[in-house]
Amino acid sequence: MQHLLPQLSALLPWIYLLAMLPVALSPARLAINHLWWPARLAGYAGFLVVLAALFQALLNERESDRLGLAMATLISLLALVIVEYSRRYLDGEQGQKRYILALLGTLTAVAVVVTTHDVYVLIAAWIISSLCLHQLLTFYRDRPMAQVVAHKKFLASRLADLCLIAATVLLVNASGDSAIAVILDEVAARLQTSGALGWDLQLASVLLVLAVILKSAQLPVHGWLIQVMEAPTPVSALLHAGVVNLGGFVLLRFAPLLSAAPVAHTLLVVVGGLTAVLAGLVMMTRISIKVRLAWSTCAQMGLMLLECGLGLYELVLVHLLAHSLYKAYAFLEAGDTVSRARQQSLQPRSSPAKPKIALVALVVAGAWLALLHGLWSMLLPAHQLPLIALGILTIGLAPWCMRLCGALYSLTTLTLLLGCYLLWHSAAAHILGASPATSALQQYLGVFALLLFLGLYVLQALIMSQPDSVLARRLYPWAFAGFYLDEHFTRLTFRLWPIKNPQPAKPATGESQ
């Protein structure tokens, strides 16, 4: 019974992989509806297997990989929903067999990433997931924009893969083993004996962070994530809810290494913080719901990387799970946005809040959160919340005090939200176990992050309260253009590797509609 749980969780990628065989070997005359049955059965079987693993985890407290099990639960749930949605969404489309194979291949690789304990397997599966996803992003082969943007994403991912391979070689050479647990033991041994990682582990951590930055669409290589909107909507849901978030999971896997590497966590805080702020400003200028969601993902991933750099790993896990579920729901129900917008246009609009009200809301939210956190600390002293995380929550929850009707309703909502977060924080701490202690540098970086988000909060409050001001008029063209950061990367990528003119897709022979 002790080894049953690891075997159950390891079955997840095999379920998706075996489902590819009947699809790949199916005769050309087979109706397309029959090709969806292996994928649908794999979706339900994978979810049931993970539920069984969760049930066994409740009975077996000695299981150590709670993080992998939590991510496997998320992946299986997303897989089930996206497969069912894709079947209806692509009804009547050509190339569905190719889509099913690429979808199952992506799910297989992602499931391997979250369940493996070998760094070689993890890196190989992460690379394969990107290659399979490329086939989904280029599903419409006759659309030039889909081909061009996927080409940009392909180049950025291959550059990230080179960083991953180099980091893996350094990690294995330093520890003498490819097991992630052995690598982390080597990190702990070096810190205990000499107090430093050494140049090889320091360089490996920086290369790992650079790879995550490239794969998480951080500035200035973010353009592919924003522009890859020609793919089917369920592909967008899979990309934004599952694949992009793998960077956050990998950083959690190697948290002890990153916490001991000053250059690595400084890079995470600076790049992630600037990306979150700039993407948050650009998102205010967008009208298309899918484009707004894409910029939102860019900003959320920046915030997640910043949290990793600050050592707020419990917050990272809560953020990762919540963001994945929200983005999957937001993309899959994006088609109903137009009808909701029409209904909202018939309702009277509330007057924009004044800057003073925004500042008062920030103060009230901070005071109330501090009071509730003090009460929580007295009742449960073993589950403390870092002050930096409390500051980030204050800035994030302050708009509730500004836009909700009535002070009592606002404070009640804040209380419920903070209570829910504290419960999730405790659950994340149980899943991750003991987190590495934060360094003095991370505390200084936390001050930088708080100042950065305070500046964003004040700037957004000024723009929303006075949309016709000189500040808003001057900032709007820059924000609408994405601060011209993507143009330079686009020119460089197509100068290094020009793309061929995409050809119209030929009708699939023998594939039933």
Protein backbone atom coordinates (compact mmCIF):
# COMPACT_ATOMS: atom_id res chain seq x y z
CA MET A 1 0.00 0.00 0.00
CA GLN A 2 2.90 2.38 0.58
CA HIS A 3 3.95 2.28 -3.08
CA LEU A 4 0.44 2.24 -4.54
CA LEU A 5 0.12 6.02 -4.81
CA PRO A 6 3.27 6.64 -6.86
CA GLN A 7 2.18 3.88 -9.25
CA LEU A 8 -1.29 5.39 -9.61
CA SER A 9 0.00 8.88 -10.34
CA ALA A 10 2.53 7.47 -12.82
CA LEU A 11 -0.33 5.87 -14.79
CA LEU A 12 -1.67 9.25 -15.95
CA PRO A 13 0.71 9.85 -18.89
CA TRP A 14 0.37 6.20 -19.98
CA ILE A 15 -3.42 6.60 -20.21
CA TYR A 16 -3.10 9.52 -22.62
CA LEU A 17 -0.30 7.83 -24.56
CA LEU A 18 -2.22 4.57 -25.06
CA ALA A 19 -5.25 6.52 -26.25
CA MET A 20 -3.15 7.77 -29.17
CA LEU A 21 -2.70 4.25 -30.60
CA PRO A 22 -6.29 3.55 -31.77
CA VAL A 23 -6.49 7.08 -33.18
CA ALA A 24 -3.22 6.80 -35.08
CA LEU A 25 -4.00 3.29 -36.41
CA SER A 26 -7.61 4.03 -37.33
CA PRO A 27 -8.57 3.45 -40.99
CA ALA A 28 -9.18 6.46 -43.19
CA ARG A 29 -12.83 5.60 -43.69
CA LEU A 30 -13.64 5.61 -39.98
CA ALA A 31 -16.11 8.33 -39.00
CA ILE A 32 -14.49 11.19 -37.12
CA ASN A 33 -16.92 10.84 -34.22
CA HIS A 34 -15.44 7.43 -33.46
CA LEU A 35 -11.94 8.92 -33.25
CA TRP A 36 -12.97 11.02 -30.27
CA TRP A 37 -13.91 8.02 -28.13
CA PRO A 38 -10.34 7.03 -27.16
CA ALA A 39 -9.59 10.63 -26.15
CA ARG A 40 -12.81 10.90 -24.16
CA LEU A 41 -12.22 7.59 -22.39
CA ALA A 42 -8.67 8.68 -21.59
CA GLY A 43 -9.98 11.92 -20.13
CA TYR A 44 -12.39 10.16 -17.78
CA ALA A 45 -9.96 7.35 -16.95
CA GLY A 46 -7.16 9.78 -16.13
CA PHE A 47 -9.40 11.81 -13.84
CA LEU A 48 -10.64 8.69 -12.03
CA VAL A 49 -7.09 7.40 -11.55
CA VAL A 50 -6.01 10.71 -10.01
CA LEU A 51 -9.07 10.69 -7.74
CA ALA A 52 -8.04 7.23 -6.58
CA ALA A 53 -4.52 8.54 -5.95
CA LEU A 54 -5.95 11.41 -3.92
CA PHE A 55 -8.04 9.01 -1.86
CA GLN A 56 -4.98 6.86 -1.23
CA ALA A 57 -3.02 9.99 -0.24
CA LEU A 58 -5.49 10.62 2.56
CA LEU A 59 -4.74 7.15 3.91
CA ASN A 60 -0.99 7.25 3.32
CA GLU A 61 0.66 10.28 4.90
CA ARG A 62 4.13 8.99 4.03
CA GLU A 63 3.74 9.96 0.37
CA SER A 64 6.23 12.76 -0.23
CA ASP A 65 5.33 14.05 -3.70
CA ARG A 66 2.19 15.97 -2.81
CA LEU A 67 3.13 18.68 -5.31
CA GLY A 68 3.14 16.24 -8.23
CA LEU A 69 -0.20 14.80 -7.13
CA ALA A 70 -1.77 18.27 -6.89
CA MET A 71 -0.56 19.13 -10.39
CA ALA A 72 -1.69 15.75 -11.75
CA THR A 73 -5.16 16.46 -10.37
CA LEU A 74 -5.19 19.82 -12.14
CA ILE A 75 -3.95 18.35 -15.43
CA SER A 76 -6.47 15.49 -15.42
CA LEU A 77 -9.37 17.86 -14.73
CA LEU A 78 -8.29 20.26 -17.49
CA ALA A 79 -7.78 17.36 -19.90
CA LEU A 80 -11.28 16.03 -19.28
CA VAL A 81 -12.91 19.42 -19.82
CA ILE A 82 -10.84 20.41 -22.86
CA VAL A 83 -11.34 17.08 -24.65
CA GLU A 84 -15.12 17.27 -24.22
CA TYR A 85 -15.18 20.93 -25.29
CA SER A 86 -12.94 20.27 -28.32
CA ARG A 87 -15.20 17.50 -29.58
CA ARG A 88 -18.13 19.89 -29.85
CA TYR A 89 -16.08 22.93 -30.89
CA LEU A 90 -14.43 21.21 -33.88
CA ASP A 91 -17.56 19.46 -35.12
CA GLY A 92 -17.42 19.63 -38.92
CA GLU A 93 -13.81 20.83 -39.12
CA GLN A 94 -11.19 19.11 -41.24
CA GLY A 95 -8.04 17.71 -39.67
CA GLN A 96 -9.65 16.50 -36.44
CA LYS A 97 -7.52 13.33 -36.39
CA ARG A 98 -4.39 15.46 -36.45
CA TYR A 99 -5.84 17.62 -33.66
CA ILE A 100 -6.66 14.63 -31.44
CA LEU A 101 -3.17 13.17 -31.79
CA ALA A 102 -1.50 16.50 -31.01
CA LEU A 103 -3.82 17.10 -28.03
CA LEU A 104 -3.17 13.67 -26.53
CA GLY A 105 0.57 14.06 -27.18
CA THR A 106 0.60 17.39 -25.35
CA LEU A 107 -1.36 15.96 -22.41
CA THR A 108 0.99 12.97 -22.23
CA ALA A 109 4.09 15.16 -22.11
CA VAL A 110 2.61 17.56 -19.54
CA ALA A 111 1.55 14.62 -17.35
CA VAL A 112 5.11 13.26 -17.49
CA VAL A 113 6.50 16.67 -16.43
CA VAL A 114 4.39 16.78 -13.27
CA THR A 115 4.83 13.12 -12.26
CA THR A 116 8.48 12.34 -13.01
CA HIS A 117 11.32 12.57 -10.49
CA ASP A 118 14.17 12.48 -13.01
CA VAL A 119 15.50 15.74 -14.39
CA TYR A 120 16.34 14.21 -17.79
CA VAL A 121 12.79 12.91 -18.20
CA LEU A 122 11.33 16.20 -16.98
CA ILE A 123 13.28 18.30 -19.46
CA ALA A 124 12.64 15.92 -22.36
CA ALA A 125 8.90 15.85 -21.64
CA TRP A 126 8.78 19.64 -21.36
CA ILE A 127 10.42 19.96 -24.78
CA ILE A 128 8.05 17.38 -26.30
CA SER A 129 5.03 19.22 -24.88
CA SER A 130 6.16 22.35 -26.71
CA LEU A 131 6.60 20.46 -30.00
CA CYS A 132 3.14 18.87 -29.73
CA LEU A 133 1.60 22.21 -28.80
CA HIS A 134 3.15 23.69 -31.94
CA GLN A 135 0.98 21.32 -34.00
CA LEU A 136 -2.12 22.59 -32.20
CA LEU A 137 -1.16 26.23 -32.67
CA THR A 138 -0.76 25.63 -36.42
CA PHE A 139 -3.99 23.64 -36.73
CA TYR A 140 -5.30 26.11 -39.34
CA ARG A 141 -2.49 25.75 -41.85
CA ASP A 142 -4.07 28.15 -44.34
CA ARG A 143 -4.01 31.11 -41.93
CA PRO A 144 -0.79 33.14 -42.31
CA MET A 145 -0.99 34.76 -38.87
CA ALA A 146 -1.24 31.37 -37.16
CA GLN A 147 1.90 30.18 -38.94
CA VAL A 148 3.87 33.38 -38.31
CA VAL A 149 3.13 33.56 -34.59
CA ALA A 150 3.72 29.85 -34.07
CA HIS A 151 7.09 30.36 -35.77
CA LYS A 152 7.99 33.02 -33.20
CA LYS A 153 6.90 30.74 -30.39
CA PHE A 154 8.91 27.87 -31.86
CA LEU A 155 12.10 29.93 -31.90
CA ALA A 156 11.64 31.21 -28.34
CA SER A 157 10.95 27.69 -27.09
CA ARG A 158 14.01 26.24 -28.81
CA LEU A 159 16.18 28.89 -27.20
CA ALA A 160 14.65 27.95 -23.86
CA ASP A 161 15.37 24.29 -24.59
CA LEU A 162 19.07 25.05 -25.07
CA CYS A 163 19.09 26.72 -21.64
CA LEU A 164 17.30 23.72 -20.12
CA ILE A 165 19.73 21.22 -21.60
CA ALA A 166 22.75 23.20 -20.41
CA ALA A 167 21.24 23.58 -16.93
CA THR A 168 20.49 19.85 -16.78
CA VAL A 169 24.05 18.92 -17.70
CA LEU A 170 25.42 21.19 -14.97
CA LEU A 171 22.99 19.84 -12.35
CA VAL A 172 23.73 16.19 -13.13
CA ASN A 173 27.49 16.77 -13.21
CA ALA A 174 27.36 18.54 -9.86
CA SER A 175 25.32 15.83 -8.11
CA GLY A 176 26.39 12.75 -10.03
CA ASP A 177 22.77 11.67 -10.50
CA SER A 178 19.75 12.73 -12.52
CA ALA A 179 17.24 12.22 -9.69
CA ILE A 180 15.79 15.55 -8.58
CA ALA A 181 15.96 14.50 -4.91
CA VAL A 182 19.69 13.77 -5.22
CA ILE A 183 20.29 17.13 -6.90
CA LEU A 184 18.51 18.95 -4.08
CA ASP A 185 20.47 16.93 -1.52
CA GLU A 186 23.67 18.15 -3.18
CA VAL A 187 22.39 21.73 -2.91
CA ALA A 188 21.71 21.25 0.82
CA ALA A 189 25.11 19.62 1.36
CA ARG A 190 26.98 22.49 -0.29
CA LEU A 191 25.07 25.08 1.68
CA GLN A 192 25.78 23.24 4.91
CA THR A 193 29.50 22.80 4.29
CA SER A 194 30.53 26.01 2.52
CA GLY A 195 27.44 28.25 2.65
CA ALA A 196 27.48 28.71 -1.15
CA LEU A 197 26.35 26.76 -4.19
CA GLY A 198 29.43 27.01 -6.35
CA TRP A 199 29.69 28.42 -9.85
CA ASP A 200 28.16 25.36 -11.55
CA LEU A 201 24.92 25.33 -9.55
CA GLN A 202 24.72 29.13 -9.68
CA LEU A 203 24.97 29.02 -13.48
CA ALA A 204 22.49 26.16 -13.67
CA SER A 205 19.94 28.13 -11.65
CA VAL A 206 20.32 31.18 -13.91
CA LEU A 207 19.92 29.04 -17.05
CA LEU A 208 16.83 27.40 -15.54
CA VAL A 209 15.33 30.81 -14.78
CA LEU A 210 16.09 32.06 -18.31
CA ALA A 211 14.34 29.01 -19.76
CA VAL A 212 11.27 29.61 -17.60
CA ILE A 213 11.21 33.28 -18.62
CA LEU A 214 11.27 32.33 -22.30
CA LYS A 215 8.60 29.65 -21.95
CA SER A 216 6.39 31.84 -19.73
CA ALA A 217 6.18 34.64 -22.34
CA GLN A 218 7.86 37.32 -20.28
CA LEU A 219 8.95 40.66 -21.72
CA PRO A 220 10.39 41.21 -24.27
CA VAL A 221 9.69 37.74 -25.77
CA HIS A 222 6.00 37.83 -24.93
CA GLY A 223 4.63 38.55 -28.41
CA TRP A 224 3.85 34.98 -29.41
CA LEU A 225 1.50 34.49 -26.44
CA ILE A 226 -0.40 37.70 -27.21
CA GLN A 227 -0.75 37.09 -30.94
CA VAL A 228 -1.43 33.34 -31.09
CA MET A 229 -5.19 33.77 -31.31
CA GLU A 230 -5.80 32.00 -34.62
CA ALA A 231 -5.71 28.60 -32.91
CA PRO A 232 -8.99 27.01 -31.78
CA THR A 233 -10.31 28.26 -28.46
CA PRO A 234 -9.70 24.97 -26.57
CA VAL A 235 -6.04 25.19 -27.64
CA SER A 236 -5.88 28.65 -26.06
CA ALA A 237 -7.40 27.22 -22.89
CA LEU A 238 -4.80 24.42 -22.83
CA LEU A 239 -1.94 26.85 -23.48
CA HIS A 240 -2.91 29.48 -20.91
CA ALA A 241 -4.25 27.12 -18.24
CA GLY A 242 -1.76 24.27 -18.48
CA VAL A 243 1.36 24.58 -20.61
CA VAL A 244 2.48 28.13 -19.76
CA ASN A 245 2.12 27.41 -16.04
CA LEU A 246 4.65 24.57 -16.21
CA GLY A 247 7.37 27.13 -15.60
CA GLY A 248 5.95 27.87 -12.17
CA PHE A 249 5.79 24.16 -11.37
CA VAL A 250 9.43 23.59 -12.37
CA LEU A 251 10.52 26.50 -10.17
CA LEU A 252 8.65 24.92 -7.26
CA ARG A 253 10.43 21.63 -7.91
CA PHE A 254 13.81 23.37 -7.63
CA ALA A 255 12.86 25.86 -4.90
CA PRO A 256 15.87 25.09 -2.63
CA LEU A 257 18.23 25.70 -5.54
CA LEU A 258 16.62 29.00 -6.53
CA SER A 259 16.43 30.32 -2.97
CA ALA A 260 20.20 29.91 -2.61
CA ALA A 261 21.01 31.61 -5.95
CA PRO A 262 20.92 35.43 -5.60
CA VAL A 263 21.26 36.13 -9.32
CA ALA A 264 18.45 33.73 -10.16
CA HIS A 265 15.84 35.12 -7.77
CA THR A 266 16.86 38.70 -8.56
CA LEU A 267 16.26 37.98 -12.25
CA LEU A 268 12.87 36.50 -11.42
CA VAL A 269 11.78 39.51 -9.39
CA VAL A 270 12.97 42.15 -11.86
CA VAL A 271 11.73 40.50 -15.06
CA GLY A 272 8.53 39.19 -13.51
CA GLY A 273 7.69 42.45 -11.75
CA LEU A 274 8.25 44.63 -14.82
CA THR A 275 6.27 42.22 -16.98
CA ALA A 276 3.34 42.22 -14.55
CA VAL A 277 3.24 46.02 -14.41
CA LEU A 278 3.63 46.69 -18.14
CA ALA A 279 1.24 43.92 -19.16
CA GLY A 280 -1.30 45.21 -16.65
CA LEU A 281 -1.17 48.63 -18.29
CA VAL A 282 -1.41 47.23 -21.82
CA MET A 283 -4.40 45.08 -20.88
CA MET A 284 -6.38 48.25 -20.07
CA THR A 285 -6.22 49.28 -23.76
CA ARG A 286 -7.54 46.04 -25.25
CA ILE A 287 -11.10 45.38 -26.40
CA SER A 288 -10.91 41.79 -27.71
CA ILE A 289 -11.68 39.41 -24.86
CA LYS A 290 -9.14 36.79 -25.98
CA VAL A 291 -6.39 39.38 -26.36
CA ARG A 292 -7.19 40.79 -22.92
CA LEU A 293 -7.00 37.29 -21.48
CA ALA A 294 -3.64 36.76 -23.20
CA TRP A 295 -2.20 39.95 -21.71
CA SER A 296 -3.68 38.88 -18.39
CA THR A 297 -1.79 35.59 -18.61
CA CYS A 298 1.41 37.48 -19.39
CA ALA A 299 0.90 39.65 -16.31
CA GLN A 300 -0.11 36.73 -14.09
CA MET A 301 2.93 34.71 -15.09
CA GLY A 302 5.10 37.74 -14.32
CA LEU A 303 3.53 37.95 -10.88
CA MET A 304 4.04 34.23 -10.36
CA LEU A 305 7.74 34.46 -11.24
CA LEU A 306 8.09 37.44 -8.92
CA GLU A 307 6.55 35.40 -6.10
CA CYS A 308 9.07 32.62 -6.81
CA GLY A 309 11.91 35.14 -6.66
CA LEU A 310 10.68 36.38 -3.29
CA GLY A 311 10.47 32.87 -1.89
CA LEU A 312 6.66 32.94 -1.48
CA TYR A 313 6.26 29.38 -2.64
CA GLU A 314 2.93 28.74 -0.91
CA LEU A 315 1.53 31.79 -2.65
CA VAL A 316 2.98 30.52 -5.94
CA LEU A 317 1.18 27.19 -5.65
CA VAL A 318 -2.15 28.82 -4.78
CA HIS A 319 -1.67 31.29 -7.63
CA LEU A 320 -0.78 28.53 -10.09
CA LEU A 321 -3.81 26.39 -9.34
CA ALA A 322 -6.25 29.29 -9.20
CA HIS A 323 -4.92 30.89 -12.37
CA SER A 324 -5.12 27.62 -14.31
CA LEU A 325 -8.73 27.00 -13.36
CA TYR A 326 -9.74 30.60 -14.01
CA LYS A 327 -8.04 30.81 -17.42
CA ALA A 328 -9.53 27.53 -18.59
CA TYR A 329 -12.99 28.75 -17.64
CA ALA A 330 -12.43 32.23 -19.10
CA PHE A 331 -11.31 30.99 -22.51
CA LEU A 332 -13.89 28.24 -22.84
CA GLU A 333 -16.75 30.60 -22.06
CA ALA A 334 -15.33 33.54 -24.04
CA GLY A 335 -18.09 33.11 -26.63
CA ASP A 336 -20.70 34.34 -24.14
CA THR A 337 -18.84 37.59 -23.55
CA VAL A 338 -20.66 39.48 -26.31
CA SER A 339 -24.10 38.71 -24.88
CA ARG A 340 -22.94 39.71 -21.40
CA ALA A 341 -21.49 42.96 -22.74
CA ARG A 342 -24.83 43.79 -24.36
CA GLN A 343 -26.63 43.19 -21.08
CA GLN A 344 -24.16 45.36 -19.19
CA SER A 345 -24.55 48.18 -21.72
CA LEU A 346 -28.22 48.42 -20.79
CA GLN A 347 -27.38 49.01 -17.15
CA PRO A 348 -26.44 52.45 -15.82
CA ARG A 349 -22.71 52.93 -15.45
CA SER A 350 -21.31 53.96 -12.12
CA SER A 351 -19.16 57.07 -11.95
CA PRO A 352 -15.39 56.42 -11.81
CA ALA A 353 -13.81 56.51 -8.41
CA LYS A 354 -11.66 59.49 -7.49
CA PRO A 355 -7.95 59.04 -6.71
CA LYS A 356 -8.56 59.90 -3.06
CA ILE A 357 -11.10 57.11 -2.78
CA ALA A 358 -8.59 54.67 -4.29
CA LEU A 359 -5.99 55.64 -1.70
CA VAL A 360 -8.53 55.38 1.14
CA ALA A 361 -9.53 51.93 -0.15
CA LEU A 362 -5.89 50.85 -0.09
CA VAL A 363 -5.49 52.02 3.51
CA VAL A 364 -8.73 50.38 4.63
CA ALA A 365 -7.84 47.10 2.92
CA GLY A 366 -4.37 47.10 4.50
CA ALA A 367 -5.68 47.83 7.98
CA TRP A 368 -8.43 45.23 7.73
CA LEU A 369 -6.12 42.56 6.37
CA ALA A 370 -3.57 43.28 9.11
CA LEU A 371 -6.31 42.92 11.74
CA LEU A 372 -7.57 39.66 10.30
CA HIS A 373 -4.04 38.30 9.94
CA GLY A 374 -3.32 39.15 13.57
CA LEU A 375 -6.43 37.26 14.63
CA TRP A 376 -5.40 34.32 12.44
CA SER A 377 -1.90 34.31 13.97
CA MET A 378 -3.32 34.13 17.48
CA LEU A 379 -5.64 31.26 16.62
CA LEU A 380 -3.19 29.33 14.42
CA PRO A 381 0.35 30.49 15.23
CA ALA A 382 1.90 27.63 13.23
CA HIS A 383 0.53 29.02 9.94
CA GLN A 384 2.09 32.44 9.57
CA LEU A 385 1.65 34.54 6.43
CA PRO A 386 4.76 36.40 5.17
CA LEU A 387 4.47 40.19 5.38
CA ILE A 388 5.42 40.57 1.72
CA ALA A 389 2.56 38.27 0.72
CA LEU A 390 0.23 40.29 2.96
CA GLY A 391 1.31 43.48 1.18
CA ILE A 392 0.66 41.95 -2.25
CA LEU A 393 -2.77 40.78 -1.10
CA THR A 394 -3.55 44.26 0.21
CA ILE A 395 -2.87 45.87 -3.16
CA GLY A 396 -4.77 43.15 -4.99
CA LEU A 397 -7.86 43.28 -2.78
CA ALA A 398 -8.02 47.06 -2.35
CA PRO A 399 -10.30 47.56 -5.42
CA TRP A 400 -13.03 45.65 -3.61
CA CYS A 401 -13.31 48.47 -1.09
CA MET A 402 -13.52 50.95 -3.94
CA ARG A 403 -16.12 49.40 -6.20
CA LEU A 404 -18.49 47.51 -3.92
CA CYS A 405 -21.57 49.12 -2.47
CA GLY A 406 -21.49 49.67 1.24
CA ALA A 407 -18.65 49.46 3.72
CA LEU A 408 -20.11 46.45 5.53
CA TYR A 409 -20.45 44.46 2.30
CA SER A 410 -16.90 45.39 1.27
CA LEU A 411 -15.36 44.34 4.58
CA THR A 412 -17.39 41.14 4.62
CA THR A 413 -16.13 40.29 1.15
CA LEU A 414 -12.56 41.08 2.16
CA THR A 415 -12.92 38.87 5.22
CA LEU A 416 -14.19 35.94 3.17
CA LEU A 417 -11.52 36.36 0.51
CA LEU A 418 -8.69 36.56 3.02
CA GLY A 419 -10.10 33.64 5.00
CA CYS A 420 -10.25 31.53 1.83
CA TYR A 421 -6.69 32.49 0.97
CA LEU A 422 -5.39 31.65 4.43
CA LEU A 423 -6.99 28.22 4.20
CA TRP A 424 -5.46 27.67 0.75
CA HIS A 425 -2.14 28.96 2.07
CA SER A 426 -2.20 26.37 4.83
CA ALA A 427 -3.08 23.65 2.32
CA ALA A 428 -0.23 24.77 0.03
CA ALA A 429 2.18 24.70 2.98
CA HIS A 430 1.10 21.12 3.71
CA ILE A 431 1.63 20.15 0.05
CA LEU A 432 5.05 21.79 -0.28
CA GLY A 433 6.38 20.97 3.16
CA ALA A 434 9.05 23.16 4.73
CA SER A 435 9.96 26.08 2.46
CA PRO A 436 13.50 27.49 2.27
CA ALA A 437 14.16 30.51 4.46
CA THR A 438 14.18 33.87 2.70
CA SER A 439 17.46 35.77 2.49
CA ALA A 440 18.14 39.44 3.22
CA LEU A 441 18.34 40.11 -0.52
CA GLN A 442 14.86 38.67 -1.03
CA GLN A 443 13.52 41.00 1.66
CA TYR A 444 14.99 44.00 -0.17
CA LEU A 445 13.54 42.68 -3.42
CA GLY A 446 10.19 42.43 -1.63
CA VAL A 447 10.32 46.16 -0.90
CA PHE A 448 11.07 46.78 -4.59
CA ALA A 449 8.09 44.62 -5.58
CA LEU A 450 5.72 46.43 -3.22
CA LEU A 451 6.82 49.83 -4.55
CA LEU A 452 6.35 48.56 -8.09
CA PHE A 453 2.78 47.40 -7.48
CA LEU A 454 1.92 50.48 -5.45
CA GLY A 455 3.00 52.58 -8.43
CA LEU A 456 0.85 50.47 -10.74
CA TYR A 457 -2.15 50.77 -8.42
CA VAL A 458 -1.88 54.55 -8.19
CA LEU A 459 -1.30 54.92 -11.94
CA GLN A 460 -4.31 52.78 -12.82
CA ALA A 461 -6.45 54.70 -10.32
CA LEU A 462 -5.44 58.01 -11.92
CA ILE A 463 -6.16 56.75 -15.44
CA MET A 464 -9.52 55.22 -14.56
CA SER A 465 -10.66 58.31 -12.64
CA GLN A 466 -9.51 60.76 -15.34
CA PRO A 467 -9.46 58.93 -18.69
CA ASP A 468 -9.19 62.21 -20.63
CA SER A 469 -6.25 63.61 -18.69
CA VAL A 470 -2.91 64.49 -20.24
CA LEU A 471 -1.30 61.49 -18.54
CA ALA A 472 -3.85 59.06 -20.00
CA ARG A 473 -3.62 60.55 -23.52
CA ARG A 474 0.17 60.37 -23.57
CA LEU A 475 0.38 56.90 -22.08
CA TYR A 476 -2.36 55.32 -24.20
CA PRO A 477 -0.45 55.12 -27.55
CA TRP A 478 2.53 53.50 -25.85
CA ALA A 479 0.41 51.03 -23.91
CA PHE A 480 -1.72 50.23 -26.97
CA ALA A 481 1.47 49.41 -28.89
CA GLY A 482 2.75 47.20 -26.09
CA PHE A 483 5.50 49.76 -25.44
CA TYR A 484 7.01 48.60 -28.77
CA LEU A 485 8.84 45.77 -27.02
CA ASP A 486 7.75 42.95 -29.31
CA GLU A 487 8.80 44.60 -32.59
CA HIS A 488 12.51 44.23 -31.91
CA PHE A 489 12.22 40.55 -31.04
CA THR A 490 10.05 39.93 -34.12
CA ARG A 491 12.56 41.51 -36.47
CA LEU A 492 15.41 39.59 -34.89
CA THR A 493 13.66 36.21 -35.09
CA PHE A 494 12.70 36.54 -38.74
CA ARG A 495 16.12 37.87 -39.62
CA LEU A 496 17.76 34.82 -38.05
CA TRP A 497 15.24 32.30 -39.41
CA PRO A 498 12.82 33.60 -42.06
CA ILE A 499 9.51 31.81 -42.35
CA LYS A 500 8.28 30.36 -45.63
CA ASN A 501 5.04 31.66 -47.05
CA PRO A 502 2.25 29.48 -45.62
CA GLN A 503 0.34 27.45 -48.20
CA PRO A 504 -3.42 26.87 -48.12
CA ALA A 505 -4.28 23.59 -46.48
CA LYS A 506 -5.35 20.79 -48.82
CA PRO A 507 -8.59 18.93 -48.05
CA ALA A 508 -7.95 15.83 -45.98
CA THR A 509 -8.39 12.68 -48.07
CA GLY A 510 -10.66 10.05 -46.66
CA GLU A 511 -11.38 11.91 -43.42
CA SER A 512 -15.06 12.10 -42.65
CA GLN A 513 -16.53 15.45 -41.68
